[in-house]
N, C-alpha and C. Protein backbone atom coordinates (compact mmCIF):
# COMPACT_ATOMS: atom_id res chain seq x y z
N UNK A 1 86.84 132.16 104.37
CA UNK A 1 87.53 130.89 104.27
C UNK A 1 86.58 129.87 103.62
N UNK A 2 87.06 129.22 102.60
CA UNK A 2 86.22 128.27 101.88
C UNK A 2 86.36 126.87 102.45
N UNK A 3 85.31 126.11 102.35
CA UNK A 3 85.30 124.73 102.82
C UNK A 3 85.94 123.84 101.78
N UNK A 4 86.96 123.10 102.18
CA UNK A 4 87.63 122.22 101.22
C UNK A 4 86.95 120.86 101.20
N UNK A 5 86.99 120.24 100.05
CA UNK A 5 86.36 118.94 99.88
C UNK A 5 87.28 117.85 100.42
N UNK A 6 86.68 116.90 101.09
CA UNK A 6 87.47 115.80 101.63
C UNK A 6 87.19 114.50 100.87
N UNK A 7 86.59 114.60 99.69
CA UNK A 7 86.24 113.40 98.93
C UNK A 7 87.47 112.60 98.54
N UNK A 8 88.52 113.27 98.12
CA UNK A 8 89.74 112.56 97.75
C UNK A 8 90.34 111.84 98.95
N UNK A 9 90.29 112.47 100.11
CA UNK A 9 90.82 111.82 101.31
C UNK A 9 90.00 110.60 101.70
N UNK A 10 88.68 110.66 101.52
CA UNK A 10 87.85 109.50 101.80
C UNK A 10 88.16 108.36 100.82
N UNK A 11 88.35 108.70 99.56
CA UNK A 11 88.69 107.68 98.57
C UNK A 11 90.01 107.02 98.91
N UNK A 12 91.01 107.82 99.26
CA UNK A 12 92.31 107.27 99.62
C UNK A 12 92.25 106.45 100.90
N UNK A 13 91.38 106.84 101.82
CA UNK A 13 91.18 106.06 103.04
C UNK A 13 90.62 104.68 102.70
N UNK A 14 89.59 104.63 101.85
CA UNK A 14 89.00 103.34 101.50
C UNK A 14 89.95 102.48 100.66
N UNK A 15 90.76 103.11 99.83
CA UNK A 15 91.78 102.36 99.08
C UNK A 15 92.80 101.76 100.06
N UNK A 16 93.18 102.51 101.08
CA UNK A 16 94.12 102.01 102.08
C UNK A 16 93.52 100.84 102.86
N UNK A 17 92.24 100.94 103.19
CA UNK A 17 91.58 99.85 103.90
C UNK A 17 91.50 98.61 103.01
N UNK A 18 91.23 98.82 101.73
CA UNK A 18 91.19 97.68 100.80
C UNK A 18 92.57 97.03 100.69
N UNK A 19 93.61 97.83 100.65
CA UNK A 19 94.97 97.28 100.61
C UNK A 19 95.27 96.51 101.89
N UNK A 20 94.79 97.01 103.01
CA UNK A 20 94.95 96.32 104.30
C UNK A 20 94.30 94.95 104.26
N UNK A 21 93.08 94.89 103.75
CA UNK A 21 92.35 93.62 103.68
C UNK A 21 93.03 92.66 102.71
N UNK A 22 93.46 93.18 101.57
CA UNK A 22 94.14 92.32 100.59
C UNK A 22 95.45 91.76 101.15
N UNK A 23 96.19 92.58 101.88
CA UNK A 23 97.42 92.08 102.48
C UNK A 23 97.12 91.09 103.60
N UNK A 24 96.00 91.28 104.28
CA UNK A 24 95.64 90.39 105.38
C UNK A 24 95.37 88.97 104.88
N UNK A 25 94.76 88.85 103.70
CA UNK A 25 94.42 87.52 103.20
C UNK A 25 95.48 86.96 102.26
N UNK A 26 96.52 87.74 101.99
CA UNK A 26 97.57 87.28 101.08
C UNK A 26 98.70 86.61 101.86
N UNK A 27 99.60 85.95 101.15
CA UNK A 27 100.76 85.35 101.83
C UNK A 27 101.74 86.40 102.38
N UNK A 28 101.57 87.64 101.99
CA UNK A 28 102.46 88.71 102.46
C UNK A 28 101.88 89.42 103.68
N UNK A 29 101.23 88.69 104.55
CA UNK A 29 100.55 89.28 105.70
C UNK A 29 101.50 89.95 106.68
N UNK A 30 102.79 89.64 106.60
CA UNK A 30 103.72 90.30 107.52
C UNK A 30 103.97 91.75 107.13
N UNK A 31 103.47 92.20 105.97
CA UNK A 31 103.59 93.60 105.57
C UNK A 31 102.32 94.39 105.87
N UNK A 32 101.42 93.82 106.65
CA UNK A 32 100.12 94.45 106.91
C UNK A 32 100.28 95.78 107.65
N UNK A 33 101.28 95.89 108.50
CA UNK A 33 101.45 97.12 109.27
C UNK A 33 101.92 98.28 108.41
N UNK A 34 102.38 98.02 107.20
CA UNK A 34 102.79 99.10 106.30
C UNK A 34 101.60 99.94 105.86
N UNK A 35 100.39 99.41 105.92
CA UNK A 35 99.22 100.17 105.49
C UNK A 35 98.60 100.98 106.62
N UNK A 36 98.93 100.69 107.86
CA UNK A 36 98.29 101.38 108.98
C UNK A 36 98.55 102.88 109.02
N UNK A 37 99.76 103.38 108.74
CA UNK A 37 99.93 104.84 108.74
C UNK A 37 99.06 105.54 107.69
N UNK A 38 98.87 104.91 106.54
CA UNK A 38 98.03 105.50 105.51
C UNK A 38 96.57 105.54 105.94
N UNK A 39 96.12 104.47 106.57
CA UNK A 39 94.73 104.42 107.04
C UNK A 39 94.48 105.53 108.06
N UNK A 40 95.35 105.65 109.03
CA UNK A 40 95.16 106.64 110.09
C UNK A 40 95.28 108.06 109.52
N UNK A 41 96.26 108.29 108.66
CA UNK A 41 96.47 109.63 108.11
C UNK A 41 95.28 110.09 107.27
N UNK A 42 94.83 109.24 106.34
CA UNK A 42 93.74 109.67 105.47
C UNK A 42 92.40 109.74 106.20
N UNK A 43 92.21 108.94 107.24
CA UNK A 43 91.00 109.08 108.05
C UNK A 43 91.00 110.42 108.79
N UNK A 44 92.15 110.77 109.36
CA UNK A 44 92.24 112.06 110.06
C UNK A 44 92.06 113.23 109.10
N UNK A 45 92.61 113.13 107.90
CA UNK A 45 92.44 114.20 106.91
C UNK A 45 90.99 114.29 106.44
N UNK A 46 90.33 113.13 106.25
CA UNK A 46 88.95 113.14 105.78
C UNK A 46 88.00 113.70 106.83
N UNK A 47 88.32 113.49 108.09
CA UNK A 47 87.49 114.02 109.17
C UNK A 47 87.88 115.45 109.56
N UNK A 48 88.83 116.03 108.83
CA UNK A 48 89.34 117.38 109.08
C UNK A 48 89.91 117.55 110.48
N UNK A 49 90.60 116.52 110.95
CA UNK A 49 91.26 116.62 112.25
C UNK A 49 92.64 117.26 112.12
N UNK A 50 93.25 117.10 110.94
CA UNK A 50 94.54 117.75 110.71
C UNK A 50 94.48 118.54 109.43
């Protein structure tokens, strides 16, 4: 069994966190919870939990 790279998942996690921060400081802050599933999913994938 080969070890798969999680670099793409880490990149997508940090992009999701950046989107979270941008939405937090923008006037569209009521859409901030839309980024939370992406943050949790890509963090779990990057840590090889799922």
